[in-house]
Amino acid sequence: MKTSFEEKKVELYKLYDSFERETMPFRRQATCRPGCSFCCTFMGNIDILTLEGLIVLEHIECQSEEFRGLLKKRIAENRIGKEDGLKPSCPFLREDRTCQIYAIRPFSCRQLYSVRECGDSGPVVHRQAIESSRTTVREMQRLDDTGYSGHISYVLHLLDDAAFRTLYLSGRFAPEQIMRFGKAHGLTINRLIK
């Protein structure tokens, strides 16, 4: 039986909530606060699922035409920067270093925290939280079994293609249609993850 996008979205948020509850004791020690943005600026890779990408695109499509245009431009610039081997900042990072999509941010962002100020060393995370993150990602990939995982601007670019989006929303699976783009951009086929 095929599961609809809306049903998958509900299950995805259950996985987010479960991770939040499980890792709360660790994240209480976090030094993170609005505006710190180390992970949004220096990590360089924000991986998402196609399912998460569709949620982000739904959000973008509800914005004003001018704001949609600005976001799409920033996403394209991020994609080009990644293709050129750079580590561009997240396209959803505002000038004040806060997140424009915080309420719907992907798991890649939800799992990040640090128990010390990041500085040059990057985030310091509990080992147990890292393992919980890995388990959650595998469960998410199983949920999004006709989708892909990869950098946010690559997945959003893929979903911006009307033919791919229609195929994905239909629950069908045809990786040969995106093979060239997928290989060139390091996309992972979710159903092949063990």
N, C-alpha and C. Protein backbone atom coordinates (compact mmCIF):
# COMPACT_ATOMS: atom_id res chain seq x y z
N MET A 1 0.83 -1.19 0.00
CA MET A 1 0.00 0.00 0.00
C MET A 1 0.89 1.26 0.00
N LYS A 2 0.61 2.17 -0.93
CA LYS A 2 1.37 3.41 -1.01
C LYS A 2 0.96 4.34 0.12
N THR A 3 1.93 5.04 0.64
CA THR A 3 1.67 6.02 1.68
C THR A 3 1.73 7.41 1.04
N SER A 4 0.74 8.24 1.33
CA SER A 4 0.69 9.57 0.74
C SER A 4 1.74 10.49 1.36
N PHE A 5 1.99 11.59 0.68
CA PHE A 5 2.93 12.58 1.18
C PHE A 5 2.49 13.09 2.56
N GLU A 6 1.21 13.36 2.72
CA GLU A 6 0.72 13.88 4.00
C GLU A 6 0.93 12.85 5.12
N GLU A 7 0.71 11.57 4.83
CA GLU A 7 0.93 10.52 5.83
C GLU A 7 2.41 10.41 6.18
N LYS A 8 3.26 10.50 5.17
CA LYS A 8 4.70 10.44 5.42
C LYS A 8 5.17 11.64 6.23
N LYS A 9 4.56 12.78 5.96
CA LYS A 9 4.93 13.99 6.69
C LYS A 9 4.61 13.82 8.18
N VAL A 10 3.46 13.26 8.49
CA VAL A 10 3.07 13.00 9.89
C VAL A 10 4.08 12.07 10.54
N GLU A 11 4.46 11.00 9.84
CA GLU A 11 5.42 10.04 10.38
C GLU A 11 6.80 10.67 10.56
N LEU A 12 7.17 11.54 9.63
CA LEU A 12 8.46 12.22 9.74
C LEU A 12 8.50 13.07 11.00
N TYR A 13 7.44 13.81 11.27
CA TYR A 13 7.42 14.65 12.48
C TYR A 13 7.39 13.81 13.75
N LYS A 14 6.84 12.62 13.68
CA LYS A 14 6.91 11.70 14.83
C LYS A 14 8.35 11.28 15.08
N LEU A 15 9.10 11.03 14.01
CA LEU A 15 10.52 10.68 14.16
C LEU A 15 11.30 11.85 14.74
N TYR A 16 11.02 13.06 14.26
CA TYR A 16 11.66 14.25 14.83
C TYR A 16 11.39 14.33 16.33
N ASP A 17 10.11 14.18 16.69
CA ASP A 17 9.72 14.29 18.11
C ASP A 17 10.38 13.22 18.97
N SER A 18 10.45 12.01 18.45
CA SER A 18 11.08 10.92 19.18
C SER A 18 12.56 11.23 19.43
N PHE A 19 13.23 11.73 18.41
CA PHE A 19 14.64 12.11 18.55
C PHE A 19 14.79 13.22 19.59
N GLU A 20 13.92 14.21 19.52
CA GLU A 20 13.97 15.33 20.48
C GLU A 20 13.84 14.82 21.92
N ARG A 21 12.88 13.94 22.15
CA ARG A 21 12.69 13.40 23.50
C ARG A 21 13.90 12.59 23.95
N GLU A 22 14.40 11.75 23.06
CA GLU A 22 15.52 10.87 23.40
C GLU A 22 16.80 11.63 23.70
N THR A 23 17.02 12.73 23.01
CA THR A 23 18.28 13.46 23.17
C THR A 23 18.17 14.71 24.04
N MET A 24 16.98 14.97 24.57
CA MET A 24 16.78 16.16 25.41
C MET A 24 17.80 16.28 26.55
N PRO A 25 18.10 15.18 27.27
CA PRO A 25 19.09 15.31 28.36
C PRO A 25 20.44 15.83 27.88
N PHE A 26 20.83 15.48 26.66
CA PHE A 26 22.11 15.94 26.11
C PHE A 26 22.00 17.38 25.62
N ARG A 27 20.93 17.68 24.91
CA ARG A 27 20.79 19.00 24.31
C ARG A 27 20.53 20.09 25.34
N ARG A 28 20.12 19.72 26.54
CA ARG A 28 19.95 20.72 27.61
C ARG A 28 21.28 21.39 27.95
N GLN A 29 22.37 20.71 27.67
CA GLN A 29 23.70 21.24 27.96
C GLN A 29 24.25 22.12 26.82
N ALA A 30 23.47 22.27 25.76
CA ALA A 30 23.94 22.99 24.58
C ALA A 30 24.18 24.47 24.84
N THR A 31 25.20 24.98 24.18
CA THR A 31 25.49 26.42 24.25
C THR A 31 24.83 27.17 23.08
N CYS A 32 24.17 26.45 22.21
CA CYS A 32 23.55 27.04 21.01
C CYS A 32 22.47 28.04 21.41
N ARG A 33 22.35 29.08 20.60
CA ARG A 33 21.33 30.10 20.82
C ARG A 33 21.03 30.76 19.47
N PRO A 34 19.90 31.44 19.35
CA PRO A 34 19.60 32.10 18.08
C PRO A 34 20.74 33.05 17.68
N GLY A 35 21.16 32.91 16.45
CA GLY A 35 22.21 33.79 15.93
C GLY A 35 23.61 33.23 15.96
N CYS A 36 23.84 32.08 16.63
CA CYS A 36 25.22 31.57 16.67
C CYS A 36 25.64 31.06 15.29
N SER A 37 24.83 30.32 14.60
CA SER A 37 24.93 29.95 13.18
C SER A 37 26.22 29.30 12.69
N PHE A 38 27.07 28.79 13.58
CA PHE A 38 28.30 28.14 13.12
C PHE A 38 27.97 27.00 12.15
N CYS A 39 27.03 26.15 12.54
CA CYS A 39 26.68 24.99 11.72
C CYS A 39 26.07 25.40 10.38
N CYS A 40 25.35 26.52 10.37
CA CYS A 40 24.70 27.01 9.15
C CYS A 40 25.70 27.66 8.20
N THR A 41 26.84 28.04 8.75
CA THR A 41 27.81 28.81 7.98
C THR A 41 29.06 28.02 7.59
N PHE A 42 29.56 27.20 8.50
CA PHE A 42 30.85 26.56 8.27
C PHE A 42 30.80 25.06 8.02
N MET A 43 29.66 24.42 8.25
CA MET A 43 29.60 22.97 8.06
C MET A 43 29.60 22.62 6.57
N GLY A 44 28.96 23.46 5.75
CA GLY A 44 29.01 23.28 4.30
C GLY A 44 28.09 22.23 3.72
N ASN A 45 27.56 21.33 4.53
CA ASN A 45 26.69 20.30 3.99
C ASN A 45 25.45 20.15 4.87
N ILE A 46 24.32 20.39 4.28
CA ILE A 46 23.04 20.23 4.97
C ILE A 46 22.27 19.18 4.18
N ASP A 47 22.35 17.94 4.63
CA ASP A 47 21.68 16.86 3.91
C ASP A 47 20.22 16.78 4.30
N ILE A 48 19.38 16.53 3.30
CA ILE A 48 17.95 16.36 3.53
C ILE A 48 17.44 15.20 2.69
N LEU A 49 16.24 14.76 3.00
CA LEU A 49 15.52 13.78 2.20
C LEU A 49 14.64 14.52 1.20
N THR A 50 14.22 13.84 0.15
CA THR A 50 13.26 14.45 -0.77
C THR A 50 11.98 14.83 -0.01
N LEU A 51 11.58 14.00 0.94
CA LEU A 51 10.39 14.29 1.74
C LEU A 51 10.54 15.63 2.47
N GLU A 52 11.69 15.86 3.07
CA GLU A 52 11.94 17.13 3.75
C GLU A 52 12.01 18.27 2.74
N GLY A 53 12.60 18.01 1.59
CA GLY A 53 12.68 19.02 0.54
C GLY A 53 11.30 19.48 0.09
N LEU A 54 10.39 18.55 -0.02
CA LEU A 54 9.03 18.89 -0.43
C LEU A 54 8.35 19.77 0.62
N ILE A 55 8.61 19.49 1.88
CA ILE A 55 8.07 20.32 2.97
C ILE A 55 8.63 21.74 2.86
N VAL A 56 9.92 21.85 2.59
CA VAL A 56 10.55 23.16 2.43
C VAL A 56 9.96 23.89 1.22
N LEU A 57 9.78 23.18 0.10
CA LEU A 57 9.21 23.82 -1.09
C LEU A 57 7.77 24.27 -0.85
N GLU A 58 7.00 23.49 -0.13
CA GLU A 58 5.64 23.92 0.23
C GLU A 58 5.68 25.25 0.97
N HIS A 59 6.63 25.34 1.90
CA HIS A 59 6.78 26.57 2.68
C HIS A 59 7.16 27.75 1.77
N ILE A 60 8.11 27.52 0.88
CA ILE A 60 8.55 28.57 -0.04
C ILE A 60 7.39 29.03 -0.92
N GLU A 61 6.61 28.09 -1.40
CA GLU A 61 5.52 28.42 -2.31
C GLU A 61 4.41 29.23 -1.64
N CYS A 62 4.38 29.25 -0.32
CA CYS A 62 3.39 30.05 0.42
C CYS A 62 3.86 31.48 0.67
N GLN A 63 5.06 31.81 0.28
CA GLN A 63 5.63 33.14 0.51
C GLN A 63 5.24 34.08 -0.63
N SER A 64 5.51 35.35 -0.44
CA SER A 64 5.24 36.34 -1.49
C SER A 64 6.11 36.02 -2.71
N GLU A 65 5.68 36.50 -3.85
CA GLU A 65 6.41 36.24 -5.08
C GLU A 65 7.84 36.78 -5.00
N GLU A 66 7.99 37.97 -4.42
CA GLU A 66 9.31 38.58 -4.29
C GLU A 66 10.22 37.75 -3.39
N PHE A 67 9.69 37.31 -2.26
CA PHE A 67 10.47 36.51 -1.32
C PHE A 67 10.80 35.14 -1.91
N ARG A 68 9.84 34.53 -2.63
CA ARG A 68 10.09 33.25 -3.31
C ARG A 68 11.26 33.40 -4.27
N GLY A 69 11.25 34.48 -5.03
CA GLY A 69 12.32 34.73 -5.99
C GLY A 69 13.67 34.84 -5.31
N LEU A 70 13.70 35.55 -4.18
CA LEU A 70 14.94 35.71 -3.43
C LEU A 70 15.45 34.37 -2.91
N LEU A 71 14.55 33.56 -2.34
CA LEU A 71 14.96 32.25 -1.82
C LEU A 71 15.45 31.34 -2.94
N LYS A 72 14.74 31.33 -4.05
CA LYS A 72 15.17 30.47 -5.17
C LYS A 72 16.54 30.89 -5.70
N LYS A 73 16.78 32.20 -5.71
CA LYS A 73 18.10 32.70 -6.14
C LYS A 73 19.17 32.23 -5.16
N ARG A 74 18.92 32.32 -3.87
CA ARG A 74 19.91 31.91 -2.87
C ARG A 74 20.15 30.39 -2.93
N ILE A 75 19.09 29.62 -3.17
CA ILE A 75 19.25 28.17 -3.31
C ILE A 75 20.12 27.84 -4.52
N ALA A 76 19.87 28.54 -5.63
CA ALA A 76 20.67 28.32 -6.85
C ALA A 76 22.13 28.70 -6.60
N GLU A 77 22.37 29.82 -5.92
CA GLU A 77 23.74 30.24 -5.60
C GLU A 77 24.43 29.21 -4.70
N ASN A 78 23.67 28.66 -3.75
CA ASN A 78 24.21 27.64 -2.86
C ASN A 78 24.61 26.40 -3.68
N ARG A 79 23.74 25.98 -4.58
CA ARG A 79 24.01 24.80 -5.42
C ARG A 79 25.25 25.01 -6.26
N ILE A 80 25.35 26.17 -6.88
CA ILE A 80 26.51 26.47 -7.73
C ILE A 80 27.79 26.51 -6.89
N GLY A 81 27.71 27.11 -5.71
CA GLY A 81 28.87 27.14 -4.81
C GLY A 81 29.32 25.74 -4.43
N LYS A 82 28.35 24.87 -4.09
CA LYS A 82 28.68 23.47 -3.75
C LYS A 82 29.30 22.77 -4.95
N GLU A 83 28.74 22.99 -6.13
CA GLU A 83 29.28 22.35 -7.34
C GLU A 83 30.71 22.81 -7.62
N ASP A 84 31.03 24.04 -7.20
CA ASP A 84 32.38 24.58 -7.38
C ASP A 84 33.32 24.19 -6.25
N GLY A 85 32.84 23.34 -5.31
CA GLY A 85 33.69 22.86 -4.23
C GLY A 85 33.77 23.78 -3.03
N LEU A 86 32.91 24.78 -2.97
CA LEU A 86 32.91 25.71 -1.84
C LEU A 86 32.04 25.17 -0.71
N LYS A 87 32.07 25.84 0.44
CA LYS A 87 31.20 25.52 1.57
C LYS A 87 30.30 26.73 1.83
N PRO A 88 29.31 26.93 0.97
CA PRO A 88 28.47 28.11 1.14
C PRO A 88 27.57 28.01 2.37
N SER A 89 27.22 29.17 2.92
CA SER A 89 26.28 29.21 4.04
C SER A 89 24.93 28.68 3.59
N CYS A 90 24.14 28.24 4.54
CA CYS A 90 22.79 27.77 4.24
C CYS A 90 22.01 28.87 3.52
N PRO A 91 21.28 28.52 2.47
CA PRO A 91 20.52 29.55 1.75
C PRO A 91 19.36 30.13 2.56
N PHE A 92 19.03 29.52 3.69
CA PHE A 92 17.92 29.99 4.51
C PHE A 92 18.38 30.79 5.73
N LEU A 93 19.66 31.11 5.78
CA LEU A 93 20.21 31.88 6.88
C LEU A 93 19.98 33.37 6.62
N ARG A 94 19.29 34.02 7.56
CA ARG A 94 19.03 35.47 7.44
C ARG A 94 20.28 36.27 7.77
N GLU A 95 20.23 37.56 7.47
CA GLU A 95 21.35 38.45 7.78
C GLU A 95 21.63 38.51 9.27
N ASP A 96 20.58 38.35 10.11
CA ASP A 96 20.78 38.40 11.57
C ASP A 96 21.23 37.04 12.12
N ARG A 97 21.57 36.11 11.21
CA ARG A 97 22.08 34.77 11.55
C ARG A 97 21.02 33.87 12.18
N THR A 98 19.75 34.10 11.88
CA THR A 98 18.69 33.19 12.32
C THR A 98 18.14 32.48 11.09
N CYS A 99 17.36 31.45 11.33
CA CYS A 99 16.88 30.57 10.26
C CYS A 99 15.49 30.98 9.76
N GLN A 100 15.36 31.11 8.46
CA GLN A 100 14.07 31.46 7.86
C GLN A 100 13.08 30.30 7.88
N ILE A 101 13.57 29.08 8.04
CA ILE A 101 12.67 27.91 8.01
C ILE A 101 12.79 27.10 9.30
N TYR A 102 13.09 27.77 10.39
CA TYR A 102 13.37 27.06 11.65
C TYR A 102 12.27 26.07 12.03
N ALA A 103 11.02 26.45 11.91
CA ALA A 103 9.91 25.57 12.32
C ALA A 103 9.85 24.29 11.49
N ILE A 104 10.32 24.36 10.25
CA ILE A 104 10.27 23.17 9.38
C ILE A 104 11.66 22.70 8.99
N ARG A 105 12.67 23.15 9.71
CA ARG A 105 14.06 22.81 9.37
C ARG A 105 14.22 21.29 9.26
N PRO A 106 15.10 20.85 8.37
CA PRO A 106 15.31 19.41 8.20
C PRO A 106 16.06 18.79 9.38
N PHE A 107 16.06 17.48 9.42
CA PHE A 107 16.69 16.76 10.52
C PHE A 107 18.18 17.06 10.62
N SER A 108 18.82 17.26 9.50
CA SER A 108 20.24 17.59 9.49
C SER A 108 20.53 18.77 10.41
N CYS A 109 19.61 19.72 10.49
CA CYS A 109 19.75 20.88 11.37
C CYS A 109 19.25 20.57 12.78
N ARG A 110 18.19 19.81 12.89
CA ARG A 110 17.61 19.49 14.19
C ARG A 110 18.57 18.70 15.08
N GLN A 111 19.40 17.89 14.45
CA GLN A 111 20.29 17.03 15.24
C GLN A 111 21.52 17.77 15.77
N LEU A 112 21.80 18.94 15.24
CA LEU A 112 23.03 19.65 15.61
C LEU A 112 22.87 20.45 16.89
N TYR A 113 23.87 20.38 17.71
CA TYR A 113 24.02 21.20 18.91
C TYR A 113 25.47 21.09 19.33
N SER A 114 25.88 21.90 20.29
CA SER A 114 27.24 21.79 20.81
C SER A 114 27.23 22.12 22.29
N VAL A 115 28.02 21.38 23.07
CA VAL A 115 28.11 21.63 24.51
C VAL A 115 29.20 22.67 24.81
N ARG A 116 29.91 23.13 23.77
CA ARG A 116 30.91 24.19 23.91
C ARG A 116 30.71 25.18 22.77
N GLU A 117 31.15 26.40 23.00
CA GLU A 117 31.14 27.38 21.91
C GLU A 117 31.95 26.79 20.75
N CYS A 118 31.45 26.91 19.55
CA CYS A 118 32.09 26.23 18.42
C CYS A 118 33.47 26.79 18.07
N GLY A 119 33.61 28.09 17.96
CA GLY A 119 34.91 28.65 17.60
C GLY A 119 35.47 27.97 16.37
N ASP A 120 36.77 27.69 16.38
CA ASP A 120 37.42 27.04 15.23
C ASP A 120 37.26 25.52 15.26
N SER A 121 36.88 24.96 16.42
CA SER A 121 36.87 23.51 16.55
C SER A 121 35.57 22.85 16.09
N GLY A 122 34.53 23.62 15.89
CA GLY A 122 33.25 23.05 15.49
C GLY A 122 32.47 22.52 16.67
N PRO A 123 31.32 21.93 16.42
CA PRO A 123 30.45 21.48 17.50
C PRO A 123 30.99 20.26 18.24
N VAL A 124 30.67 20.17 19.53
CA VAL A 124 31.01 19.02 20.36
C VAL A 124 29.67 18.41 20.80
N VAL A 125 29.45 17.17 20.38
CA VAL A 125 28.18 16.49 20.58
C VAL A 125 28.41 15.19 21.35
N HIS A 126 27.43 14.79 22.15
CA HIS A 126 27.52 13.52 22.88
C HIS A 126 27.49 12.34 21.90
N ARG A 127 28.28 11.33 22.20
CA ARG A 127 28.33 10.12 21.38
C ARG A 127 26.96 9.47 21.26
N GLN A 128 26.19 9.44 22.36
CA GLN A 128 24.87 8.81 22.34
C GLN A 128 23.91 9.57 21.41
N ALA A 129 24.03 10.87 21.37
CA ALA A 129 23.18 11.67 20.48
C ALA A 129 23.53 11.40 19.02
N ILE A 130 24.82 11.21 18.75
CA ILE A 130 25.24 10.89 17.38
C ILE A 130 24.65 9.56 16.94
N GLU A 131 24.69 8.56 17.82
CA GLU A 131 24.13 7.25 17.48
C GLU A 131 22.62 7.35 17.27
N SER A 132 21.95 8.11 18.12
CA SER A 132 20.52 8.31 17.96
C SER A 132 20.21 9.01 16.63
N SER A 133 21.06 9.94 16.23
CA SER A 133 20.91 10.63 14.95
C SER A 133 21.00 9.64 13.79
N ARG A 134 22.00 8.78 13.85
CA ARG A 134 22.18 7.79 12.77
C ARG A 134 20.97 6.87 12.66
N THR A 135 20.46 6.43 13.80
CA THR A 135 19.29 5.56 13.81
C THR A 135 18.09 6.29 13.22
N THR A 136 17.90 7.54 13.61
CA THR A 136 16.78 8.33 13.12
C THR A 136 16.88 8.53 11.61
N VAL A 137 18.07 8.82 11.11
CA VAL A 137 18.26 9.02 9.67
C VAL A 137 17.89 7.74 8.91
N ARG A 138 18.32 6.59 9.40
CA ARG A 138 17.96 5.32 8.73
C ARG A 138 16.45 5.13 8.71
N GLU A 139 15.78 5.44 9.82
CA GLU A 139 14.31 5.32 9.86
C GLU A 139 13.65 6.29 8.89
N MET A 140 14.20 7.49 8.79
CA MET A 140 13.67 8.48 7.86
C MET A 140 13.84 8.02 6.41
N GLN A 141 15.00 7.44 6.11
CA GLN A 141 15.24 6.97 4.75
C GLN A 141 14.32 5.81 4.39
N ARG A 142 14.02 4.96 5.37
CA ARG A 142 13.05 3.89 5.11
C ARG A 142 11.66 4.47 4.85
N LEU A 143 11.30 5.50 5.60
CA LEU A 143 10.00 6.16 5.40
C LEU A 143 9.93 6.77 4.01
N ASP A 144 11.00 7.40 3.57
CA ASP A 144 11.04 8.06 2.26
C ASP A 144 11.68 7.11 1.23
N ASP A 145 11.13 5.92 1.13
CA ASP A 145 11.77 4.84 0.36
C ASP A 145 11.76 5.05 -1.15
N THR A 146 10.96 5.97 -1.67
CA THR A 146 11.02 6.26 -3.11
C THR A 146 11.77 7.55 -3.37
N GLY A 147 12.45 8.04 -2.35
CA GLY A 147 13.16 9.31 -2.47
C GLY A 147 14.66 9.17 -2.37
N TYR A 148 15.30 10.30 -2.18
CA TYR A 148 16.75 10.41 -2.20
C TYR A 148 17.21 11.26 -1.02
N SER A 149 18.49 11.18 -0.72
CA SER A 149 19.11 12.00 0.31
C SER A 149 20.30 12.71 -0.32
N GLY A 150 20.51 13.96 0.11
CA GLY A 150 21.65 14.72 -0.39
C GLY A 150 21.60 16.15 0.09
N HIS A 151 22.54 16.95 -0.38
CA HIS A 151 22.64 18.34 0.04
C HIS A 151 21.35 19.09 -0.30
N ILE A 152 20.96 19.99 0.57
CA ILE A 152 19.68 20.68 0.48
C ILE A 152 19.43 21.35 -0.87
N SER A 153 20.41 22.07 -1.41
CA SER A 153 20.16 22.77 -2.67
C SER A 153 20.09 21.80 -3.84
N TYR A 154 20.74 20.63 -3.75
CA TYR A 154 20.64 19.63 -4.81
C TYR A 154 19.25 18.99 -4.80
N VAL A 155 18.78 18.63 -3.62
CA VAL A 155 17.46 17.99 -3.52
C VAL A 155 16.37 18.98 -3.93
N LEU A 156 16.49 20.23 -3.50
CA LEU A 156 15.49 21.23 -3.88
C LEU A 156 15.50 21.48 -5.39
N HIS A 157 16.69 21.46 -5.99
CA HIS A 157 16.80 21.60 -7.45
C HIS A 157 16.07 20.44 -8.15
N LEU A 158 16.28 19.26 -7.65
CA LEU A 158 15.62 18.08 -8.22
C LEU A 158 14.10 18.21 -8.11
N LEU A 159 13.62 18.61 -6.95
CA LEU A 159 12.17 18.74 -6.72
C LEU A 159 11.56 19.91 -7.48
N ASP A 160 12.38 20.83 -7.92
CA ASP A 160 11.87 21.97 -8.70
C ASP A 160 11.50 21.53 -10.11
N ASP A 161 11.95 20.35 -10.51
CA ASP A 161 11.60 19.78 -11.81
C ASP A 161 10.20 19.16 -11.69
N ALA A 162 9.24 19.70 -12.43
CA ALA A 162 7.84 19.28 -12.32
C ALA A 162 7.66 17.79 -12.60
N ALA A 163 8.38 17.25 -13.58
CA ALA A 163 8.25 15.83 -13.91
C ALA A 163 8.74 14.95 -12.77
N PHE A 164 9.88 15.33 -12.16
CA PHE A 164 10.38 14.55 -11.04
C PHE A 164 9.42 14.65 -9.85
N ARG A 165 8.94 15.84 -9.57
CA ARG A 165 8.04 16.01 -8.43
C ARG A 165 6.77 15.19 -8.60
N THR A 166 6.22 15.18 -9.80
CA THR A 166 5.02 14.39 -10.08
C THR A 166 5.29 12.90 -9.87
N LEU A 167 6.42 12.43 -10.39
CA LEU A 167 6.82 11.03 -10.22
C LEU A 167 6.96 10.70 -8.73
N TYR A 168 7.66 11.55 -8.00
CA TYR A 168 7.90 11.31 -6.58
C TYR A 168 6.58 11.29 -5.80
N LEU A 169 5.72 12.26 -6.06
CA LEU A 169 4.44 12.32 -5.34
C LEU A 169 3.51 11.16 -5.69
N SER A 170 3.71 10.56 -6.87
CA SER A 170 2.88 9.42 -7.26
C SER A 170 3.28 8.15 -6.51
N GLY A 171 4.45 8.18 -5.85
CA GLY A 171 4.94 7.00 -5.15
C GLY A 171 5.73 6.07 -6.03
N ARG A 172 5.92 6.46 -7.29
CA ARG A 172 6.70 5.62 -8.19
C ARG A 172 8.19 5.91 -7.98
N PHE A 173 9.01 5.02 -8.50
CA PHE A 173 10.45 5.08 -8.28
C PHE A 173 11.15 4.81 -9.60
N ALA A 174 11.91 5.77 -10.11
CA ALA A 174 12.62 5.61 -11.38
C ALA A 174 13.97 6.31 -11.32
N PRO A 175 14.93 5.73 -10.58
CA PRO A 175 16.23 6.39 -10.41
C PRO A 175 16.98 6.63 -11.72
N GLU A 176 16.67 5.87 -12.75
CA GLU A 176 17.36 6.07 -14.02
C GLU A 176 17.08 7.46 -14.60
N GLN A 177 15.94 8.05 -14.21
CA GLN A 177 15.59 9.37 -14.73
C GLN A 177 16.47 10.48 -14.16
N ILE A 178 17.07 10.24 -12.99
CA ILE A 178 17.91 11.28 -12.39
C ILE A 178 19.35 10.79 -12.20
N MET A 179 19.68 9.66 -12.81
CA MET A 179 20.97 9.01 -12.58
C MET A 179 22.15 9.96 -12.79
N ARG A 180 22.13 10.68 -13.88
CA ARG A 180 23.27 11.56 -14.19
C ARG A 180 23.40 12.66 -13.12
N PHE A 181 22.30 13.33 -12.82
CA PHE A 181 22.33 14.38 -11.80
C PHE A 181 22.68 13.78 -10.44
N GLY A 182 22.06 12.65 -10.11
CA GLY A 182 22.28 12.01 -8.82
C GLY A 182 23.73 11.63 -8.60
N LYS A 183 24.34 11.02 -9.60
CA LYS A 183 25.75 10.63 -9.47
C LYS A 183 26.66 11.85 -9.38
N ALA A 184 26.40 12.84 -10.20
CA ALA A 184 27.23 14.05 -10.23
C ALA A 184 27.15 14.83 -8.92
N HIS A 185 26.03 14.67 -8.19
CA HIS A 185 25.81 15.47 -6.99
C HIS A 185 25.76 14.63 -5.71
N GLY A 186 26.18 13.38 -5.82
CA GLY A 186 26.31 12.53 -4.63
C GLY A 186 25.00 12.21 -3.92
N LEU A 187 23.90 12.15 -4.67
CA LEU A 187 22.63 11.80 -4.05
C LEU A 187 22.60 10.30 -3.73
N THR A 188 21.96 9.98 -2.62
CA THR A 188 21.83 8.59 -2.18
C THR A 188 20.40 8.14 -2.42
N ILE A 189 20.24 6.92 -2.91
CA ILE A 189 18.90 6.34 -3.09
C ILE A 189 18.50 5.76 -1.74
N ASN A 190 17.46 6.31 -1.15
CA ASN A 190 17.07 5.93 0.21
C ASN A 190 16.81 4.44 0.38
N ARG A 191 16.13 3.83 -0.59
CA ARG A 191 15.77 2.42 -0.42
C ARG A 191 16.97 1.48 -0.47
N LEU A 192 18.12 1.98 -0.90
CA LEU A 192 19.31 1.12 -0.94
C LEU A 192 20.15 1.22 0.32
N ILE A 193 19.74 2.09 1.25
CA ILE A 193 20.46 2.23 2.52
C ILE A 193 20.11 1.06 3.42
N LYS A 194 21.10 0.46 4.01
CA LYS A 194 20.89 -0.67 4.91
C LYS A 194 20.77 -0.20 6.34
